[in-house]
Amino acid sequence: IGMSSLLDMASSKKDIEPKINRDFGQEQEISMVQTEIPILQAALDSLFASTIYFQDSSLVDLVAALGRITLNMLEGVSNLDLNKSAGSQIKEMDKLNIFGVIRMLETTLVNIHRMHSMWDFVVAHLDCLASSKFPQLRQLAVDALFCIIQNIFIFKKDLSQVAADPKWVGDKWQSTILEPLGNILSSGF
């Protein structure tokens, strides 16, 4: 092998090394992200589970913020065309972010004993979703509301004594929780 061949091999090796180092760096980054995701997920789960210790005002603020996340997502996808092919719709539906709805449901269920303090916010957001042009979001809203109502009935034992709001006293709590479901189901979607 001549000197020029060795120089050519050396220079081509130099060209390969940065690519190998870049690829190795990307693999390390991907590996690091994959190990961090479960940690972040656990931290989020812990945060939302700890809402049981929040003051009512902080809980309402959190529920309202989760609702804003959902509304922002709805604004972002409001221009999607439902008349496109099924494949195009699936790609567009991937843009839907239901994080706010899922976490709102989780927060609501953890704090079912304080439903009276956040009910109006939860219902307003689920009603907004139930009015969406996306059938998946409408179904999600109805399912979430139904899940909350079921859990309220399970918890009911002391609900009327916990709440000072007149719509939660005595037997009025039943019409309070069933009215939004009736409104959503009669909306025509």
N, C-alpha and C. Protein backbone atom coordinates (compact mmCIF):
# COMPACT_ATOMS: atom_id res chain seq x y z
N ILE A 1 0.87 -1.18 0.00
CA ILE A 1 0.00 0.00 0.00
C ILE A 1 0.90 1.22 0.00
N GLY A 2 0.58 2.12 -0.88
CA GLY A 2 1.39 3.31 -1.00
C GLY A 2 1.00 4.36 0.03
N MET A 3 1.86 5.37 0.13
CA MET A 3 1.65 6.46 1.07
C MET A 3 0.36 7.21 0.76
N SER A 4 0.07 7.42 -0.49
CA SER A 4 -1.15 8.14 -0.85
C SER A 4 -2.39 7.34 -0.46
N SER A 5 -2.31 6.03 -0.56
CA SER A 5 -3.44 5.18 -0.16
C SER A 5 -3.67 5.29 1.34
N LEU A 6 -2.60 5.29 2.10
CA LEU A 6 -2.72 5.42 3.56
C LEU A 6 -3.29 6.78 3.93
N LEU A 7 -2.84 7.81 3.23
CA LEU A 7 -3.37 9.15 3.50
C LEU A 7 -4.85 9.23 3.14
N ASP A 8 -5.20 8.59 2.01
CA ASP A 8 -6.61 8.56 1.63
C ASP A 8 -7.45 7.83 2.68
N MET A 9 -6.95 6.70 3.16
CA MET A 9 -7.68 5.93 4.18
C MET A 9 -7.78 6.74 5.47
N ALA A 10 -6.73 7.41 5.83
CA ALA A 10 -6.73 8.21 7.05
C ALA A 10 -7.71 9.36 6.94
N SER A 11 -7.73 10.00 5.77
CA SER A 11 -8.65 11.12 5.62
C SER A 11 -10.09 10.64 5.58
N SER A 12 -10.34 9.48 4.96
CA SER A 12 -11.71 8.96 4.96
C SER A 12 -12.11 8.52 6.36
N LYS A 13 -11.15 8.03 7.14
CA LYS A 13 -11.45 7.65 8.53
C LYS A 13 -11.83 8.89 9.34
N LYS A 14 -11.15 10.01 9.08
CA LYS A 14 -11.49 11.25 9.77
C LYS A 14 -12.90 11.70 9.41
N ASP A 15 -13.29 11.46 8.14
CA ASP A 15 -14.65 11.82 7.72
C ASP A 15 -15.69 10.94 8.41
N ILE A 16 -15.32 9.70 8.66
CA ILE A 16 -16.25 8.76 9.29
C ILE A 16 -16.35 9.02 10.79
N GLU A 17 -15.26 9.35 11.45
CA GLU A 17 -15.25 9.53 12.90
C GLU A 17 -16.29 10.54 13.39
N PRO A 18 -16.40 11.74 12.78
CA PRO A 18 -17.42 12.67 13.28
C PRO A 18 -18.82 12.09 13.16
N LYS A 19 -19.09 11.34 12.07
CA LYS A 19 -20.41 10.74 11.91
C LYS A 19 -20.64 9.70 13.00
N ILE A 20 -19.62 8.86 13.25
CA ILE A 20 -19.75 7.84 14.30
C ILE A 20 -19.96 8.52 15.64
N ASN A 21 -19.18 9.57 15.92
CA ASN A 21 -19.34 10.29 17.19
C ASN A 21 -20.71 10.96 17.29
N ARG A 22 -21.20 11.52 16.16
CA ARG A 22 -22.54 12.12 16.16
C ARG A 22 -23.59 11.06 16.43
N ASP A 23 -23.47 9.91 15.73
CA ASP A 23 -24.43 8.84 15.92
C ASP A 23 -24.39 8.32 17.35
N PHE A 24 -23.18 8.17 17.89
CA PHE A 24 -23.04 7.70 19.27
C PHE A 24 -23.63 8.71 20.24
N GLY A 25 -23.41 9.99 19.96
CA GLY A 25 -23.97 11.04 20.81
C GLY A 25 -25.49 11.05 20.76
N GLN A 26 -26.06 10.82 19.58
CA GLN A 26 -27.52 10.75 19.45
C GLN A 26 -28.07 9.54 20.18
N GLU A 27 -27.36 8.41 20.08
CA GLU A 27 -27.79 7.21 20.80
C GLU A 27 -27.77 7.44 22.30
N GLN A 28 -26.73 8.10 22.79
CA GLN A 28 -26.65 8.42 24.22
C GLN A 28 -27.79 9.33 24.63
N GLU A 29 -28.07 10.33 23.79
CA GLU A 29 -29.15 11.27 24.09
C GLU A 29 -30.51 10.55 24.11
N ILE A 30 -30.73 9.69 23.14
CA ILE A 30 -31.99 8.94 23.09
C ILE A 30 -32.10 8.04 24.32
N SER A 31 -31.00 7.39 24.67
CA SER A 31 -31.00 6.52 25.85
C SER A 31 -31.28 7.32 27.12
N MET A 32 -30.69 8.49 27.21
CA MET A 32 -30.88 9.33 28.38
C MET A 32 -32.34 9.79 28.47
N VAL A 33 -32.92 10.18 27.33
CA VAL A 33 -34.32 10.60 27.30
C VAL A 33 -35.23 9.44 27.70
N GLN A 34 -34.93 8.25 27.20
CA GLN A 34 -35.75 7.09 27.52
C GLN A 34 -35.70 6.74 29.01
N THR A 35 -34.59 7.00 29.66
CA THR A 35 -34.52 6.74 31.09
C THR A 35 -35.17 7.86 31.90
N GLU A 36 -35.19 9.07 31.33
CA GLU A 36 -35.79 10.20 32.05
C GLU A 36 -37.31 10.22 31.96
N ILE A 37 -37.86 9.68 30.89
CA ILE A 37 -39.32 9.71 30.71
C ILE A 37 -40.05 9.03 31.86
N PRO A 38 -39.67 7.83 32.27
CA PRO A 38 -40.38 7.23 33.42
C PRO A 38 -40.23 8.04 34.71
N ILE A 39 -39.09 8.67 34.87
CA ILE A 39 -38.88 9.50 36.07
C ILE A 39 -39.81 10.70 36.03
N LEU A 40 -39.89 11.36 34.88
CA LEU A 40 -40.79 12.51 34.74
C LEU A 40 -42.25 12.09 34.88
N GLN A 41 -42.60 10.94 34.33
CA GLN A 41 -43.96 10.43 34.44
C GLN A 41 -44.31 10.18 35.91
N ALA A 42 -43.40 9.58 36.64
CA ALA A 42 -43.63 9.33 38.07
C ALA A 42 -43.78 10.64 38.84
N ALA A 43 -42.98 11.63 38.48
CA ALA A 43 -43.07 12.94 39.14
C ALA A 43 -44.42 13.59 38.86
N LEU A 44 -44.88 13.52 37.61
CA LEU A 44 -46.20 14.06 37.26
C LEU A 44 -47.31 13.32 37.99
N ASP A 45 -47.22 12.00 38.02
CA ASP A 45 -48.23 11.20 38.73
C ASP A 45 -48.29 11.60 40.20
N SER A 46 -47.12 11.78 40.79
CA SER A 46 -47.05 12.17 42.19
C SER A 46 -47.63 13.56 42.41
N LEU A 47 -47.34 14.48 41.49
CA LEU A 47 -47.87 15.84 41.60
C LEU A 47 -49.40 15.83 41.59
N PHE A 48 -49.99 15.13 40.64
CA PHE A 48 -51.44 15.14 40.54
C PHE A 48 -52.10 14.33 41.66
N ALA A 49 -51.44 13.30 42.13
CA ALA A 49 -51.97 12.55 43.27
C ALA A 49 -51.91 13.38 44.55
N SER A 50 -50.93 14.28 44.64
CA SER A 50 -50.79 15.10 45.85
C SER A 50 -51.77 16.26 45.90
N THR A 51 -52.59 16.42 44.86
CA THR A 51 -53.56 17.52 44.87
C THR A 51 -54.58 17.35 45.99
N ILE A 52 -54.63 16.19 46.55
CA ILE A 52 -55.53 15.95 47.69
C ILE A 52 -55.16 16.87 48.86
N TYR A 53 -53.92 17.33 48.89
CA TYR A 53 -53.44 18.20 49.97
C TYR A 53 -53.52 19.69 49.61
N PHE A 54 -53.91 20.01 48.38
CA PHE A 54 -54.02 21.40 47.95
C PHE A 54 -55.18 22.09 48.65
N GLN A 55 -55.05 23.39 48.84
CA GLN A 55 -56.19 24.18 49.29
C GLN A 55 -57.20 24.23 48.15
N ASP A 56 -58.47 24.48 48.49
CA ASP A 56 -59.51 24.52 47.46
C ASP A 56 -59.18 25.51 46.35
N SER A 57 -58.68 26.68 46.72
CA SER A 57 -58.39 27.69 45.70
C SER A 57 -57.28 27.22 44.76
N SER A 58 -56.26 26.55 45.29
CA SER A 58 -55.18 26.03 44.45
C SER A 58 -55.68 24.90 43.55
N LEU A 59 -56.56 24.10 44.09
CA LEU A 59 -57.13 23.01 43.30
C LEU A 59 -57.94 23.56 42.13
N VAL A 60 -58.74 24.57 42.40
CA VAL A 60 -59.54 25.20 41.34
C VAL A 60 -58.61 25.83 40.29
N ASP A 61 -57.54 26.48 40.73
CA ASP A 61 -56.58 27.07 39.80
C ASP A 61 -55.95 25.99 38.90
N LEU A 62 -55.61 24.84 39.49
CA LEU A 62 -55.02 23.76 38.72
C LEU A 62 -56.02 23.22 37.69
N VAL A 63 -57.25 23.00 38.11
CA VAL A 63 -58.28 22.50 37.19
C VAL A 63 -58.51 23.51 36.06
N ALA A 64 -58.54 24.78 36.39
CA ALA A 64 -58.71 25.81 35.37
C ALA A 64 -57.52 25.83 34.40
N ALA A 65 -56.31 25.65 34.92
CA ALA A 65 -55.12 25.61 34.06
C ALA A 65 -55.15 24.40 33.13
N LEU A 66 -55.57 23.27 33.64
CA LEU A 66 -55.70 22.08 32.80
C LEU A 66 -56.75 22.30 31.71
N GLY A 67 -57.80 23.01 32.07
CA GLY A 67 -58.81 23.36 31.08
C GLY A 67 -58.27 24.28 30.00
N ARG A 68 -57.41 25.22 30.40
CA ARG A 68 -56.79 26.11 29.41
C ARG A 68 -55.89 25.34 28.45
N ILE A 69 -55.21 24.33 28.96
CA ILE A 69 -54.39 23.49 28.08
C ILE A 69 -55.28 22.84 27.03
N THR A 70 -56.41 22.33 27.47
CA THR A 70 -57.35 21.69 26.55
C THR A 70 -57.89 22.70 25.55
N LEU A 71 -58.26 23.87 26.01
CA LEU A 71 -58.80 24.89 25.11
C LEU A 71 -57.75 25.35 24.09
N ASN A 72 -56.51 25.48 24.53
CA ASN A 72 -55.43 25.84 23.60
C ASN A 72 -55.25 24.76 22.53
N MET A 73 -55.35 23.51 22.94
CA MET A 73 -55.25 22.42 21.99
C MET A 73 -56.41 22.49 21.00
N LEU A 74 -57.61 22.78 21.50
CA LEU A 74 -58.76 22.87 20.61
C LEU A 74 -58.61 24.01 19.61
N GLU A 75 -58.07 25.13 20.06
CA GLU A 75 -57.82 26.24 19.15
C GLU A 75 -56.82 25.84 18.06
N GLY A 76 -55.82 25.08 18.46
CA GLY A 76 -54.80 24.66 17.51
C GLY A 76 -55.30 23.70 16.45
N VAL A 77 -56.29 22.91 16.77
CA VAL A 77 -56.80 21.93 15.81
C VAL A 77 -58.15 22.34 15.22
N SER A 78 -58.61 23.52 15.52
CA SER A 78 -59.93 23.93 15.06
C SER A 78 -60.03 24.03 13.55
N ASN A 79 -58.91 24.18 12.88
CA ASN A 79 -58.94 24.30 11.43
C ASN A 79 -58.75 22.98 10.70
N LEU A 80 -58.65 21.88 11.44
CA LEU A 80 -58.49 20.58 10.78
C LEU A 80 -59.77 20.24 10.02
N ASP A 81 -59.60 19.61 8.88
CA ASP A 81 -60.72 19.29 8.00
C ASP A 81 -61.19 17.86 8.24
N LEU A 82 -62.44 17.70 8.67
CA LEU A 82 -62.99 16.38 8.92
C LEU A 82 -63.42 15.67 7.65
N ASN A 83 -63.42 16.35 6.52
CA ASN A 83 -63.85 15.75 5.26
C ASN A 83 -62.70 15.08 4.52
N LYS A 84 -61.54 14.99 5.13
CA LYS A 84 -60.39 14.35 4.50
C LYS A 84 -60.51 12.83 4.63
N SER A 85 -59.61 12.13 3.96
CA SER A 85 -59.61 10.67 4.01
C SER A 85 -59.31 10.19 5.43
N ALA A 86 -59.63 8.92 5.67
CA ALA A 86 -59.42 8.35 7.00
C ALA A 86 -57.96 8.42 7.41
N GLY A 87 -57.04 8.16 6.47
CA GLY A 87 -55.61 8.22 6.78
C GLY A 87 -55.18 9.61 7.19
N SER A 88 -55.68 10.61 6.48
CA SER A 88 -55.36 12.00 6.81
C SER A 88 -55.94 12.39 8.16
N GLN A 89 -57.15 11.90 8.44
CA GLN A 89 -57.77 12.21 9.72
C GLN A 89 -56.97 11.62 10.87
N ILE A 90 -56.48 10.41 10.69
CA ILE A 90 -55.69 9.78 11.75
C ILE A 90 -54.44 10.60 12.02
N LYS A 91 -53.77 11.06 10.97
CA LYS A 91 -52.58 11.89 11.16
C LYS A 91 -52.95 13.19 11.87
N GLU A 92 -54.09 13.78 11.51
CA GLU A 92 -54.50 15.03 12.15
C GLU A 92 -54.93 14.78 13.59
N MET A 93 -55.54 13.64 13.85
CA MET A 93 -55.97 13.33 15.22
C MET A 93 -54.76 13.13 16.13
N ASP A 94 -53.63 12.75 15.54
CA ASP A 94 -52.42 12.62 16.35
C ASP A 94 -52.01 13.95 16.95
N LYS A 95 -52.48 15.05 16.36
CA LYS A 95 -52.15 16.38 16.86
C LYS A 95 -52.94 16.72 18.13
N LEU A 96 -53.98 15.93 18.40
CA LEU A 96 -54.80 16.20 19.58
C LEU A 96 -54.02 15.79 20.82
N ASN A 97 -53.99 16.67 21.77
CA ASN A 97 -53.28 16.43 23.01
C ASN A 97 -54.32 16.37 24.12
N ILE A 98 -54.50 15.21 24.68
CA ILE A 98 -55.53 15.05 25.70
C ILE A 98 -54.95 15.05 27.11
N PHE A 99 -53.71 15.49 27.23
CA PHE A 99 -53.06 15.55 28.54
C PHE A 99 -53.93 16.29 29.57
N GLY A 100 -54.41 17.47 29.19
CA GLY A 100 -55.19 18.28 30.12
C GLY A 100 -56.45 17.58 30.59
N VAL A 101 -57.10 16.89 29.68
CA VAL A 101 -58.35 16.20 30.03
C VAL A 101 -58.07 15.01 30.95
N ILE A 102 -57.07 14.24 30.60
CA ILE A 102 -56.74 13.06 31.41
C ILE A 102 -56.31 13.48 32.82
N ARG A 103 -55.48 14.51 32.90
CA ARG A 103 -55.02 14.96 34.23
C ARG A 103 -56.15 15.64 35.01
N MET A 104 -57.06 16.30 34.30
CA MET A 104 -58.21 16.89 34.98
C MET A 104 -59.08 15.78 35.58
N LEU A 105 -59.29 14.73 34.82
CA LEU A 105 -60.07 13.60 35.31
C LEU A 105 -59.39 12.97 36.52
N GLU A 106 -58.10 12.76 36.41
CA GLU A 106 -57.34 12.18 37.52
C GLU A 106 -57.42 13.06 38.77
N THR A 107 -57.24 14.35 38.60
CA THR A 107 -57.30 15.29 39.72
C THR A 107 -58.70 15.31 40.34
N THR A 108 -59.70 15.26 39.49
CA THR A 108 -61.08 15.25 39.98
C THR A 108 -61.36 14.00 40.80
N LEU A 109 -60.91 12.86 40.32
CA LEU A 109 -61.17 11.61 41.03
C LEU A 109 -60.42 11.55 42.36
N VAL A 110 -59.21 12.08 42.38
CA VAL A 110 -58.45 12.11 43.64
C VAL A 110 -59.13 13.02 44.66
N ASN A 111 -59.82 14.05 44.17
CA ASN A 111 -60.44 15.05 45.05
C ASN A 111 -61.97 14.98 45.00
N ILE A 112 -62.50 13.80 44.81
CA ILE A 112 -63.95 13.64 44.66
C ILE A 112 -64.70 14.17 45.89
N HIS A 113 -64.06 14.12 47.03
CA HIS A 113 -64.68 14.62 48.26
C HIS A 113 -64.82 16.15 48.26
N ARG A 114 -64.12 16.81 47.33
CA ARG A 114 -64.21 18.27 47.21
C ARG A 114 -64.80 18.69 45.87
N MET A 115 -65.60 17.81 45.32
CA MET A 115 -66.17 18.06 44.00
C MET A 115 -66.94 19.38 43.95
N HIS A 116 -67.57 19.73 45.03
CA HIS A 116 -68.37 20.96 45.06
C HIS A 116 -67.54 22.20 44.74
N SER A 117 -66.24 22.17 45.05
CA SER A 117 -65.42 23.37 44.83
C SER A 117 -64.93 23.50 43.38
N MET A 118 -64.90 22.40 42.64
CA MET A 118 -64.36 22.47 41.28
C MET A 118 -65.35 22.03 40.21
N TRP A 119 -66.55 21.65 40.61
CA TRP A 119 -67.53 21.09 39.69
C TRP A 119 -67.79 22.00 38.49
N ASP A 120 -68.03 23.27 38.72
CA ASP A 120 -68.37 24.18 37.63
C ASP A 120 -67.26 24.27 36.59
N PHE A 121 -66.00 24.27 37.03
CA PHE A 121 -64.87 24.33 36.10
C PHE A 121 -64.76 23.04 35.29
N VAL A 122 -64.89 21.91 35.97
CA VAL A 122 -64.78 20.62 35.30
C VAL A 122 -65.88 20.47 34.25
N VAL A 123 -67.09 20.78 34.63
CA VAL A 123 -68.23 20.65 33.72
C VAL A 123 -68.07 21.58 32.52
N ALA A 124 -67.62 22.80 32.75
CA ALA A 124 -67.45 23.76 31.64
C ALA A 124 -66.45 23.23 30.62
N HIS A 125 -65.36 22.65 31.09
CA HIS A 125 -64.35 22.14 30.17
C HIS A 125 -64.82 20.89 29.43
N LEU A 126 -65.49 20.01 30.15
CA LEU A 126 -65.99 18.81 29.49
C LEU A 126 -67.10 19.15 28.51
N ASP A 127 -67.90 20.15 28.84
CA ASP A 127 -68.95 20.59 27.93
C ASP A 127 -68.34 21.16 26.65
N CYS A 128 -67.27 21.91 26.80
CA CYS A 128 -66.57 22.47 25.64
C CYS A 128 -66.04 21.34 24.75
N LEU A 129 -65.45 20.33 25.35
CA LEU A 129 -64.95 19.18 24.58
C LEU A 129 -66.09 18.42 23.92
N ALA A 130 -67.20 18.30 24.62
CA ALA A 130 -68.35 17.58 24.07
C ALA A 130 -68.96 18.31 22.88
N SER A 131 -68.64 19.56 22.72
CA SER A 131 -69.13 20.35 21.58
C SER A 131 -68.12 20.38 20.44
N SER A 132 -67.02 19.66 20.58
CA SER A 132 -65.97 19.65 19.57
C SER A 132 -66.46 18.96 18.30
N LYS A 133 -65.80 19.28 17.19
CA LYS A 133 -66.14 18.63 15.93
C LYS A 133 -65.49 17.26 15.81
N PHE A 134 -64.65 16.90 16.76
CA PHE A 134 -63.97 15.62 16.74
C PHE A 134 -64.73 14.58 17.57
N PRO A 135 -65.21 13.53 16.94
CA PRO A 135 -65.97 12.51 17.67
C PRO A 135 -65.17 11.90 18.82
N GLN A 136 -63.85 11.74 18.65
CA GLN A 136 -63.03 11.16 19.71
C GLN A 136 -63.03 12.05 20.95
N LEU A 137 -62.98 13.35 20.74
CA LEU A 137 -62.99 14.27 21.88
C LEU A 137 -64.36 14.31 22.54
N ARG A 138 -65.40 14.26 21.74
CA ARG A 138 -66.74 14.23 22.31
C ARG A 138 -66.92 12.98 23.17
N GLN A 139 -66.46 11.85 22.65
CA GLN A 139 -66.57 10.59 23.40
C GLN A 139 -65.74 10.66 24.68
N LEU A 140 -64.55 11.23 24.59
CA LEU A 140 -63.70 11.38 25.76
C LEU A 140 -64.39 12.23 26.83
N ALA A 141 -65.03 13.31 26.42
CA ALA A 141 -65.72 14.19 27.37
C ALA A 141 -66.88 13.46 28.05
N VAL A 142 -67.66 12.74 27.28
CA VAL A 142 -68.80 12.00 27.86
C VAL A 142 -68.29 10.91 28.80
N ASP A 143 -67.26 10.19 28.37
CA ASP A 143 -66.70 9.13 29.22
C ASP A 143 -66.15 9.70 30.52
N ALA A 144 -65.44 10.82 30.44
CA ALA A 144 -64.87 11.45 31.64
C ALA A 144 -65.98 11.90 32.58
N LEU A 145 -66.99 12.54 32.04
CA LEU A 145 -68.10 13.01 32.88
C LEU A 145 -68.82 11.83 33.51
N PHE A 146 -69.04 10.79 32.74
CA PHE A 146 -69.71 9.60 33.27
C PHE A 146 -68.88 8.97 34.39
N CYS A 147 -67.57 8.89 34.21
CA CYS A 147 -66.68 8.34 35.24
C CYS A 147 -66.75 9.17 36.52
N ILE A 148 -66.75 10.49 36.37
CA ILE A 148 -66.83 11.37 37.54
C ILE A 148 -68.16 11.18 38.26
N ILE A 149 -69.24 11.12 37.49
CA ILE A 149 -70.57 10.95 38.09
C ILE A 149 -70.65 9.63 38.84
N GLN A 150 -70.15 8.56 38.25
CA GLN A 150 -70.14 7.26 38.93
C GLN A 150 -69.40 7.35 40.25
N ASN A 151 -68.25 8.01 40.24
CA ASN A 151 -67.46 8.12 41.46
C ASN A 151 -68.12 9.01 42.50
N ILE A 152 -68.85 10.01 42.05
CA ILE A 152 -69.59 10.83 43.00
C ILE A 152 -70.67 9.99 43.69
N PHE A 153 -71.37 9.17 42.92
CA PHE A 153 -72.38 8.30 43.52
C PHE A 153 -71.76 7.31 44.50
N ILE A 154 -70.58 6.81 44.18
CA ILE A 154 -69.88 5.90 45.10
C ILE A 154 -69.49 6.65 46.37
N PHE A 155 -69.00 7.86 46.22
CA PHE A 155 -68.54 8.65 47.36
C PHE A 155 -69.69 9.28 48.12
N LYS A 156 -70.81 9.43 47.55
CA LYS A 156 -71.95 10.21 48.01
C LYS A 156 -72.15 10.24 49.52
N LYS A 157 -71.76 9.25 50.22
CA LYS A 157 -72.10 9.11 51.63
C LYS A 157 -72.08 10.41 52.43
N ASP A 158 -71.10 11.28 52.20
CA ASP A 158 -71.02 12.51 52.98
C ASP A 158 -70.99 13.78 52.13
N LEU A 159 -71.23 13.64 50.86
CA LEU A 159 -71.10 14.78 49.95
C LEU A 159 -72.01 15.94 50.33
N SER A 160 -73.23 15.65 50.68
CA SER A 160 -74.17 16.74 50.99
C SER A 160 -73.80 17.46 52.28
N GLN A 161 -73.09 16.79 53.18
CA GLN A 161 -72.69 17.45 54.42
C GLN A 161 -71.39 18.23 54.26
N VAL A 162 -70.59 17.87 53.27
CA VAL A 162 -69.31 18.55 53.05
C VAL A 162 -69.52 19.91 52.41
N ALA A 163 -70.47 19.97 51.51
CA ALA A 163 -70.64 21.18 50.70
C ALA A 163 -71.55 22.19 51.37
N ALA A 164 -71.14 23.44 51.32
CA ALA A 164 -71.98 24.52 51.82
C ALA A 164 -72.83 25.10 50.70
N ASP A 165 -72.47 24.80 49.44
CA ASP A 165 -73.20 25.28 48.27
C ASP A 165 -74.59 24.64 48.25
N PRO A 166 -75.65 25.44 48.10
CA PRO A 166 -77.01 24.89 48.14
C PRO A 166 -77.30 23.84 47.07
N LYS A 167 -76.59 23.87 45.94
CA LYS A 167 -76.88 22.87 44.92
C LYS A 167 -76.31 21.50 45.26
N TRP A 168 -75.56 21.40 46.35
CA TRP A 168 -75.02 20.11 46.79
C TRP A 168 -75.69 19.61 48.07
N VAL A 169 -76.66 20.34 48.59
CA VAL A 169 -77.31 19.98 49.86
C VAL A 169 -78.50 19.07 49.60
N GLY A 170 -78.71 18.14 50.52
CA GLY A 170 -79.85 17.23 50.42
C GLY A 170 -79.79 16.40 49.16
N ASP A 171 -80.92 16.31 48.47
CA ASP A 171 -80.99 15.54 47.24
C ASP A 171 -80.66 16.37 46.00
N LYS A 172 -80.34 17.64 46.16
CA LYS A 172 -80.03 18.50 45.02
C LYS A 172 -78.74 18.10 44.33
N TRP A 173 -77.85 17.43 45.03
CA TRP A 173 -76.58 17.02 44.43
C TRP A 173 -76.80 16.12 43.23
N GLN A 174 -77.88 15.32 43.26
CA GLN A 174 -78.14 14.41 42.15
C GLN A 174 -78.46 15.18 40.86
N SER A 175 -79.31 16.17 40.98
CA SER A 175 -79.63 16.95 39.77
C SER A 175 -78.42 17.80 39.36
N THR A 176 -77.61 18.21 40.32
CA THR A 176 -76.41 18.99 40.02
C THR A 176 -75.45 18.18 39.14
N ILE A 177 -75.27 16.91 39.47
CA ILE A 177 -74.30 16.12 38.69
C ILE A 177 -74.91 15.51 37.42
N LEU A 178 -76.21 15.27 37.40
CA LEU A 178 -76.81 14.65 36.22
C LEU A 178 -77.22 15.65 35.14
N GLU A 179 -77.46 16.89 35.53
CA GLU A 179 -77.88 17.90 34.55
C GLU A 179 -76.86 18.10 33.42
N PRO A 180 -75.56 18.24 33.71
CA PRO A 180 -74.60 18.42 32.61
C PRO A 180 -74.55 17.21 31.67
N LEU A 181 -74.68 16.03 32.21
CA LEU A 181 -74.68 14.84 31.36
C LEU A 181 -75.90 14.85 30.45
N GLY A 182 -77.05 15.23 30.98
CA GLY A 182 -78.26 15.35 30.17
C GLY A 182 -78.10 16.40 29.08
N ASN A 183 -77.48 17.53 29.42
CA ASN A 183 -77.25 18.58 28.43
C ASN A 183 -76.33 18.11 27.31
N ILE A 184 -75.28 17.41 27.67
CA ILE A 184 -74.34 16.93 26.67
C ILE A 184 -74.99 15.88 25.77
N LEU A 185 -75.74 14.97 26.38
CA LEU A 185 -76.36 13.91 25.60
C LEU A 185 -77.48 14.42 24.69
N SER A 186 -78.11 15.52 25.07
CA SER A 186 -79.18 16.07 24.24
C SER A 186 -78.67 17.13 23.25
N SER A 187 -77.37 17.31 23.18
CA SER A 187 -76.81 18.37 22.33
C SER A 187 -76.87 18.04 20.84
N GLY A 188 -77.17 16.82 20.49
CA GLY A 188 -77.30 16.47 19.07
C GLY A 188 -76.06 15.84 18.46
N PHE A 189 -74.99 15.69 19.20
CA PHE A 189 -73.79 15.04 18.65
C PHE A 189 -73.85 13.57 18.85
